[in-house]
Amino acid sequence: MKRKLKKNVFIGPLPPPLGGVAIINQSFQSLNYDGYINLVFDTSNKSNREDLYKGLPWQNIFNEHIKVKKLKDFIKKNQPDVANVFMTSGYSIIRDFFYLRLLNANKIPVVVHFHSKKKGEFALSPRRIKLVGRLLKKYADKIILLSKDHYNYFSKYFDERQCEIIENFVDYNSFNNTIENKTDDFLYVGRLSKEKGFFDLLKASAELNNKGESFKINIVGIAPNDQVQNEIDNFVKHNNLQGVLCFHGLKFGEEKLELFKKSKILISPSHFENSPVVLKEGIAAKMAIVASDIEANKNILEGKNNYNYHEVKNPEDIARTIDNIIKNPATTLEYCKASEKIKEYDSEIARKKLERILNKICL
């Protein structure tokens, strides 16, 4: 007799916007868990532009209240056996605890995927993070953290017995390519914001362009708002960067994958990250990596022999690092080959870990 599949619902944002939590939620959903059928409850507002650094979005409170009601209807209709809830430490965590309370009232076990920085967001003050820990102890069966570093930090506030580590991951097969067929192009993927270091990259590009360096940067992503987009457009025009910066806007699926496959160097000048998926995408795509020297990047890259760091928030050092990559193609090729040997961020590892967790709390 054919066994009955359990219903596993993923509750969290999906692209657009093009953000790390949405991408990794989508990645988890794409995996096949033995004994489970995946359901989806999308919490995204489906806005291409998303400003993560503005204050509490009071105008969205009514919309978020409607989402809680929709989740209640979703649960009644689909009767899931287990839920995966994707949470951050931003203002959306208030809404997410209403989700958790609703799931608890319906006796649905919960895996919380806690995608949080360690400081600088709404829920991360000492008093609030202790409250988060108490609420998660009440409503969550398991808490998934992004890395050993995150585990060491958050297990001080959360019940250590609840916590598990599943690194952000990628499907290596999707990024497979031949290094020798790559172009010498650079690739930037992410929001075109100051916090992601994009304006540092603009200034570095202007400096290199003024020196007559020959290079090209493919850019995937859009600005968080129209004002920032206008700043970018004016800077590009004023510094004659139209010939070296190629803006592709938002790209998903095969179009995005093709840019990874054909480009040789990934550049990630971000001022902060959690456990950046884009670096792991670059590794899977056998790329050389240029990255800011922030802790999150070092946690992934240290000892991998596939990267050059630049000083964070330093356009001049970004320019020097890019110039060094341009002038040392043999070293760049060695970095690509080093990335090719790294297999630890493949999706199959994450699938097995989550499947084990689901079985444990469902059975």
Protein backbone atom coordinates (compact mmCIF):
# COMPACT_ATOMS: atom_id res chain seq x y z
CA MET A 1 0.00 0.00 0.00
CA LYS A 2 1.31 3.45 -0.94
CA ARG A 3 2.17 5.47 2.15
CA LYS A 4 0.47 8.79 2.78
CA LEU A 5 2.71 11.83 2.27
CA LYS A 6 2.86 14.41 5.05
CA LYS A 7 2.14 18.03 4.14
CA ASN A 8 5.12 20.32 4.76
CA VAL A 9 4.31 24.04 4.43
CA PHE A 10 6.95 26.73 3.88
CA ILE A 11 5.89 30.11 5.29
CA GLY A 12 8.06 33.02 4.20
CA PRO A 13 8.85 35.45 1.38
CA LEU A 14 9.53 34.42 -2.21
CA PRO A 15 11.11 36.60 -4.93
CA PRO A 16 10.51 39.32 -5.80
CA PRO A 17 12.12 41.14 -4.08
CA LEU A 18 15.52 39.58 -4.72
CA GLY A 19 16.69 39.01 -1.15
CA GLY A 20 18.66 36.32 0.65
CA VAL A 21 15.77 35.01 2.78
CA ALA A 22 13.45 34.78 -0.24
CA ILE A 23 16.09 32.97 -2.29
CA ILE A 24 16.95 30.42 0.39
CA ASN A 25 13.24 29.83 1.14
CA GLN A 26 12.73 29.12 -2.56
CA SER A 27 15.77 26.83 -2.52
CA PHE A 28 14.45 24.78 0.40
CA GLN A 29 11.10 24.43 -1.38
CA SER A 30 12.77 23.08 -4.51
CA LEU A 31 14.14 20.05 -2.65
CA ASN A 32 12.36 16.70 -2.52
CA TYR A 33 11.93 15.42 1.03
CA ASP A 34 11.21 11.70 1.29
CA GLY A 35 7.71 11.22 2.69
CA TYR A 36 6.62 14.84 2.35
CA ILE A 37 4.75 17.03 -0.12
CA ASN A 38 5.69 20.72 -0.08
CA LEU A 39 3.09 23.48 0.30
CA VAL A 40 3.79 27.21 0.03
CA PHE A 41 2.47 30.27 1.87
CA ASP A 42 4.21 33.33 0.38
CA THR A 43 4.56 36.35 2.71
CA SER A 44 6.24 38.68 0.18
CA ASN A 45 4.57 41.95 -0.82
CA LYS A 46 5.81 41.28 -4.39
CA SER A 47 7.49 44.65 -4.71
CA ASN A 48 10.63 44.69 -6.86
CA ARG A 49 12.05 47.55 -4.81
CA GLU A 50 12.43 46.92 -1.09
CA ASP A 51 14.07 49.36 1.31
CA LEU A 52 15.22 47.33 4.30
CA TYR A 53 16.58 50.29 6.23
CA LYS A 54 13.56 52.53 6.72
CA GLY A 55 11.61 52.63 9.96
CA LEU A 56 8.60 50.62 11.04
CA PRO A 57 6.30 50.46 7.97
CA TRP A 58 3.08 51.52 9.68
CA GLN A 59 1.25 51.64 6.36
CA ASN A 60 1.73 47.88 6.01
CA ILE A 61 0.11 46.90 9.31
CA PHE A 62 -3.31 46.33 7.76
CA ASN A 63 -1.80 44.21 4.96
CA GLU A 64 0.13 42.13 7.49
CA HIS A 65 -3.06 41.59 9.52
CA ILE A 66 -4.73 40.32 6.34
CA LYS A 67 -1.86 37.85 5.83
CA VAL A 68 -2.43 36.37 9.28
CA LYS A 69 -6.09 35.85 8.39
CA LYS A 70 -5.08 34.28 5.06
CA LEU A 71 -2.75 31.89 6.85
CA LYS A 72 -5.60 30.89 9.14
CA ASP A 73 -7.72 30.08 6.06
CA PHE A 74 -4.76 28.28 4.45
CA ILE A 75 -4.31 26.04 7.49
CA LYS A 76 -8.02 25.22 7.63
CA LYS A 77 -8.06 24.29 3.93
CA ASN A 78 -4.76 22.38 3.67
CA GLN A 79 -4.26 21.01 7.19
CA PRO A 80 -0.44 20.81 7.04
CA ASP A 81 1.41 18.32 9.22
CA VAL A 82 4.49 20.49 9.78
CA ALA A 83 5.55 24.10 9.06
CA ASN A 84 8.82 25.82 8.17
CA VAL A 85 8.68 29.52 9.12
CA PHE A 86 11.36 31.87 7.77
CA MET A 87 12.03 34.71 10.21
CA THR A 88 14.42 37.65 10.36
CA SER A 89 15.17 40.04 13.21
CA GLY A 90 13.54 43.00 11.42
CA TYR A 91 10.08 44.42 12.09
CA SER A 92 8.42 41.47 10.32
CA ILE A 93 9.22 39.32 13.35
CA ILE A 94 6.17 40.85 15.09
CA ARG A 95 3.89 39.42 12.40
CA ASP A 96 5.77 36.13 12.36
CA PHE A 97 5.03 35.49 16.02
CA PHE A 98 1.33 35.78 15.21
CA TYR A 99 1.97 33.04 12.63
CA LEU A 100 3.69 30.89 15.25
CA ARG A 101 0.87 31.35 17.74
CA LEU A 102 -1.65 30.38 15.07
CA LEU A 103 0.31 27.25 14.14
CA ASN A 104 0.64 26.34 17.81
CA ALA A 105 -3.11 26.71 18.33
CA ASN A 106 -3.61 24.22 15.49
CA LYS A 107 -1.05 21.79 17.01
CA ILE A 108 1.23 22.02 13.97
CA PRO A 109 4.93 21.42 14.78
CA VAL A 110 7.22 24.20 13.61
CA VAL A 111 10.76 24.55 12.30
CA VAL A 112 11.86 28.19 12.54
CA HIS A 113 14.56 29.24 10.07
CA PHE A 114 16.09 32.20 11.93
CA HIS A 115 17.90 34.30 9.31
CA SER A 116 19.25 37.06 11.47
CA LYS A 117 22.25 39.27 11.82
CA LYS A 118 23.83 39.46 15.26
CA LYS A 119 23.32 43.19 15.76
CA GLY A 120 21.73 46.31 14.30
CA GLU A 121 18.12 45.17 13.77
CA PHE A 122 14.83 45.65 15.61
CA ALA A 123 14.75 42.39 17.60
CA LEU A 124 18.42 42.25 18.57
CA SER A 125 18.62 44.51 21.61
CA PRO A 126 19.46 42.46 24.75
CA ARG A 127 15.94 42.74 26.14
CA ARG A 128 14.18 41.93 22.85
CA ILE A 129 16.36 38.98 21.88
CA LYS A 130 15.75 37.42 25.31
CA LEU A 131 12.00 37.82 24.67
CA VAL A 132 12.44 36.25 21.22
CA GLY A 133 14.19 33.31 22.87
CA ARG A 134 11.33 32.81 25.34
CA LEU A 135 8.71 32.95 22.59
CA LEU A 136 10.65 30.54 20.36
CA LYS A 137 10.96 28.11 23.26
CA LYS A 138 7.17 28.20 23.54
CA TYR A 139 6.24 28.04 19.85
CA ALA A 140 9.11 26.38 17.93
CA ASP A 141 10.11 22.73 17.91
CA LYS A 142 13.43 23.38 16.15
CA ILE A 143 15.39 26.53 15.29
CA ILE A 144 17.69 26.50 12.28
CA LEU A 145 20.66 28.88 12.42
CA LEU A 146 22.89 29.87 9.52
CA SER A 147 26.36 28.92 10.74
CA LYS A 148 28.47 27.80 13.69
CA ASP A 149 29.14 31.48 14.35
CA HIS A 150 25.38 32.21 14.57
CA TYR A 151 24.89 29.12 16.74
CA ASN A 152 27.56 30.25 19.21
CA TYR A 153 25.89 33.65 19.48
CA PHE A 154 22.17 32.84 19.55
CA SER A 155 22.37 29.70 21.69
CA LYS A 156 23.12 32.08 24.58
CA TYR A 157 19.55 33.40 24.21
CA PHE A 158 17.71 30.37 22.78
CA ASP A 159 17.22 26.87 24.18
CA GLU A 160 20.36 25.13 22.92
CA ARG A 161 18.46 21.84 22.54
CA GLN A 162 16.22 23.48 19.93
CA CYS A 163 19.06 24.81 17.77
CA GLU A 164 20.48 23.19 14.62
CA ILE A 165 22.82 24.51 11.93
CA ILE A 166 21.99 24.37 8.23
CA GLU A 167 24.23 26.56 6.10
CA ASN A 168 22.73 28.49 3.20
CA PHE A 169 23.24 26.31 0.12
CA VAL A 170 22.95 26.12 -3.66
CA ASP A 171 22.23 23.43 -6.24
CA TYR A 172 25.69 22.84 -7.67
CA ASN A 173 24.31 21.12 -10.77
CA SER A 174 22.48 24.32 -11.78
CA PHE A 175 25.74 26.30 -11.81
CA ASN A 176 27.94 23.75 -13.57
CA ASN A 177 30.16 25.14 -16.34
CA THR A 178 33.59 24.88 -17.93
CA ILE A 179 36.10 27.37 -16.53
CA GLU A 180 37.95 27.71 -19.83
CA ASN A 181 34.76 28.98 -21.49
CA LYS A 182 34.29 31.86 -19.05
CA THR A 183 34.83 35.49 -19.99
CA ASP A 184 36.98 37.85 -17.90
CA ASP A 185 33.86 39.74 -16.77
CA PHE A 186 33.09 40.63 -13.16
CA LEU A 187 29.64 39.93 -11.71
CA TYR A 188 27.78 41.81 -8.95
CA VAL A 189 24.51 40.32 -7.64
CA GLY A 190 22.41 42.07 -4.98
CA ARG A 191 20.56 45.25 -4.10
CA LEU A 192 22.10 48.38 -5.55
CA SER A 193 22.37 50.04 -2.16
CA LYS A 194 24.99 51.79 -0.09
CA GLU A 195 24.75 49.08 2.57
CA LYS A 196 25.62 46.42 -0.01
CA GLY A 197 28.70 48.43 -0.97
CA PHE A 198 27.38 49.22 -4.44
CA PHE A 199 28.30 52.92 -4.26
CA ASP A 200 31.82 51.92 -3.19
CA LEU A 201 31.95 49.77 -6.32
CA LEU A 202 30.73 52.69 -8.45
CA LYS A 203 33.52 54.92 -7.12
CA ALA A 204 36.12 52.19 -7.68
CA SER A 205 34.86 51.69 -11.24
CA ALA A 206 35.15 55.42 -11.93
CA GLU A 207 38.73 55.45 -10.64
CA LEU A 208 39.72 52.48 -12.82
CA ASN A 209 37.91 53.90 -15.85
CA ASN A 210 39.74 57.22 -15.48
CA LYS A 211 43.04 55.30 -15.53
CA GLY A 212 42.06 53.64 -18.80
CA GLU A 213 41.69 50.10 -17.41
CA SER A 214 39.73 47.69 -19.59
CA PHE A 215 37.08 45.76 -17.62
CA LYS A 216 33.37 44.95 -17.54
CA ILE A 217 31.03 44.40 -14.59
CA ASN A 218 27.68 42.67 -15.10
CA ILE A 219 25.19 43.90 -12.49
CA VAL A 220 22.12 41.95 -11.36
CA GLY A 221 19.73 43.76 -9.03
CA ILE A 222 17.91 47.06 -8.62
CA ALA A 223 18.01 50.00 -6.22
CA PRO A 224 15.83 49.94 -3.07
CA ASN A 225 13.95 53.10 -4.16
CA ASP A 226 13.69 55.66 -6.97
CA GLN A 227 15.89 58.22 -5.20
CA VAL A 228 18.82 55.78 -4.99
CA GLN A 229 18.23 54.72 -8.60
CA ASN A 230 18.49 58.37 -9.70
CA GLU A 231 21.76 58.74 -7.77
CA ILE A 232 23.16 55.71 -9.56
CA ASP A 233 22.03 56.91 -13.00
CA ASN A 234 23.56 60.35 -12.43
CA PHE A 235 26.87 58.89 -11.19
CA VAL A 236 27.15 56.52 -14.16
CA LYS A 237 26.42 59.32 -16.64
CA HIS A 238 28.72 61.85 -14.98
CA ASN A 239 31.64 59.37 -14.88
CA ASN A 240 31.07 57.84 -18.34
CA LEU A 241 30.65 54.33 -16.98
CA GLN A 242 28.11 53.17 -19.56
CA GLY A 243 30.79 51.15 -21.34
CA VAL A 244 32.05 49.24 -18.31
CA LEU A 245 28.91 48.69 -16.19
CA CYS A 246 26.22 46.49 -17.72
CA PHE A 247 22.93 46.72 -15.77
CA HIS A 248 20.71 43.65 -16.18
CA GLY A 249 18.04 44.55 -13.60
CA LEU A 250 16.35 41.67 -11.80
CA LYS A 251 17.16 38.25 -13.21
CA PHE A 252 15.88 34.87 -12.08
CA GLY A 253 16.21 31.27 -13.15
CA GLU A 254 18.28 30.41 -16.19
CA GLU A 255 19.05 34.03 -17.10
CA LYS A 256 20.68 34.60 -13.72
CA LEU A 257 22.48 31.25 -13.86
CA GLU A 258 23.95 32.03 -17.27
CA LEU A 259 25.57 35.21 -15.93
CA PHE A 260 27.21 33.18 -13.15
CA LYS A 261 28.33 30.48 -15.56
CA LYS A 262 29.95 32.83 -18.07
CA SER A 263 31.54 35.37 -15.68
CA LYS A 264 34.92 34.62 -14.16
CA ILE A 265 34.98 36.92 -11.09
CA LEU A 266 32.29 37.55 -8.48
CA ILE A 267 32.54 40.86 -6.59
CA SER A 268 30.78 41.34 -3.25
CA PRO A 269 31.65 44.65 -1.53
CA SER A 270 28.87 44.48 1.10
CA HIS A 271 29.21 46.32 4.42
CA PHE A 272 27.54 43.42 6.26
CA GLU A 273 26.02 40.00 5.61
CA ASN A 274 24.72 36.99 7.55
CA SER A 275 25.85 33.94 5.59
CA PRO A 276 25.85 35.30 2.06
CA VAL A 277 24.26 32.98 -0.49
CA VAL A 278 25.87 34.88 -3.34
CA LEU A 279 29.38 33.75 -2.29
CA LYS A 280 28.20 30.15 -2.32
CA GLU A 281 26.65 30.68 -5.75
CA GLY A 282 30.00 32.04 -6.92
CA ILE A 283 31.80 29.00 -5.52
CA ALA A 284 29.33 26.62 -7.21
CA ALA A 285 29.87 28.53 -10.48
CA LYS A 286 33.67 28.02 -10.16
CA MET A 287 34.39 31.75 -9.89
CA ALA A 288 37.23 33.76 -8.43
CA ILE A 289 35.88 35.97 -5.65
CA VAL A 290 36.58 39.57 -4.66
CA ALA A 291 34.90 40.33 -1.32
CA SER A 292 34.91 42.84 1.52
CA ASP A 293 36.82 41.76 4.61
CA ILE A 294 33.74 41.46 6.83
CA GLU A 295 33.29 38.60 9.30
CA ALA A 296 30.48 36.85 7.37
CA ASN A 297 32.58 36.68 4.19
CA LYS A 298 35.61 35.41 6.10
CA ASN A 299 33.51 32.69 7.74
CA ILE A 300 32.86 31.25 4.27
CA LEU A 301 36.09 32.01 2.41
CA GLU A 302 38.94 31.55 4.90
CA GLY A 303 41.24 28.74 3.81
CA LYS A 304 39.52 28.28 0.44
CA ASN A 305 42.34 29.85 -1.69
CA ASN A 306 39.80 31.31 -4.15
CA TYR A 307 39.55 34.97 -3.16
CA ASN A 308 41.03 38.42 -2.64
CA TYR A 309 39.69 40.62 0.15
CA HIS A 310 39.40 44.39 0.04
CA GLU A 311 38.89 46.71 2.98
CA VAL A 312 35.19 47.28 3.59
CA LYS A 313 33.83 50.77 2.72
CA ASN A 314 37.08 51.60 0.88
CA PRO A 315 36.56 52.33 -2.86
CA GLU A 316 40.28 52.91 -3.39
CA ASP A 317 41.09 49.45 -2.06
CA ILE A 318 38.33 47.91 -4.20
CA ALA A 319 39.93 49.58 -7.23
CA ARG A 320 43.37 48.23 -6.27
CA THR A 321 41.98 44.72 -5.79
CA ILE A 322 40.15 44.74 -9.13
CA ASP A 323 43.26 46.10 -10.83
CA ASN A 324 45.31 43.27 -9.32
CA ILE A 325 42.81 40.69 -10.60
CA ILE A 326 42.86 42.22 -14.11
CA LYS A 327 46.65 42.18 -14.26
CA ASN A 328 47.07 38.62 -12.92
CA PRO A 329 44.93 36.33 -15.10
CA ALA A 330 46.91 33.22 -14.09
CA THR A 331 46.11 33.81 -10.41
CA THR A 332 42.45 34.42 -11.26
CA LEU A 333 42.36 31.07 -13.06
CA GLU A 334 43.87 29.39 -9.97
CA TYR A 335 41.08 30.92 -7.85
CA CYS A 336 38.47 29.50 -10.24
CA LYS A 337 40.00 26.05 -9.98
CA ALA A 338 40.10 26.35 -6.18
CA SER A 339 36.35 27.12 -6.16
CA GLU A 340 35.76 24.07 -8.35
CA LYS A 341 37.10 21.83 -5.55
CA ILE A 342 34.74 23.19 -2.85
CA LYS A 343 31.67 20.97 -2.49
CA GLU A 344 30.44 21.66 1.07
CA TYR A 345 27.57 24.02 0.19
CA ASP A 346 25.62 21.66 -2.07
CA SER A 347 21.86 21.41 -1.60
CA GLU A 348 21.90 17.66 -0.96
CA ILE A 349 23.64 18.20 2.38
CA ALA A 350 20.93 20.68 3.46
CA ARG A 351 18.13 18.39 2.21
CA LYS A 352 19.30 15.48 4.35
CA LYS A 353 19.60 17.68 7.45
CA LEU A 354 16.13 19.21 7.12
CA GLU A 355 14.55 15.85 6.30
CA ARG A 356 16.05 14.40 9.49
CA ILE A 357 14.64 17.34 11.50
CA LEU A 358 11.18 16.98 9.95
CA ASN A 359 11.12 13.25 10.71
CA LYS A 360 12.17 13.88 14.29
CA ILE A 361 9.45 16.41 15.10
CA CYS A 362 6.70 14.73 13.02
CA LEU A 363 7.25 11.18 14.25
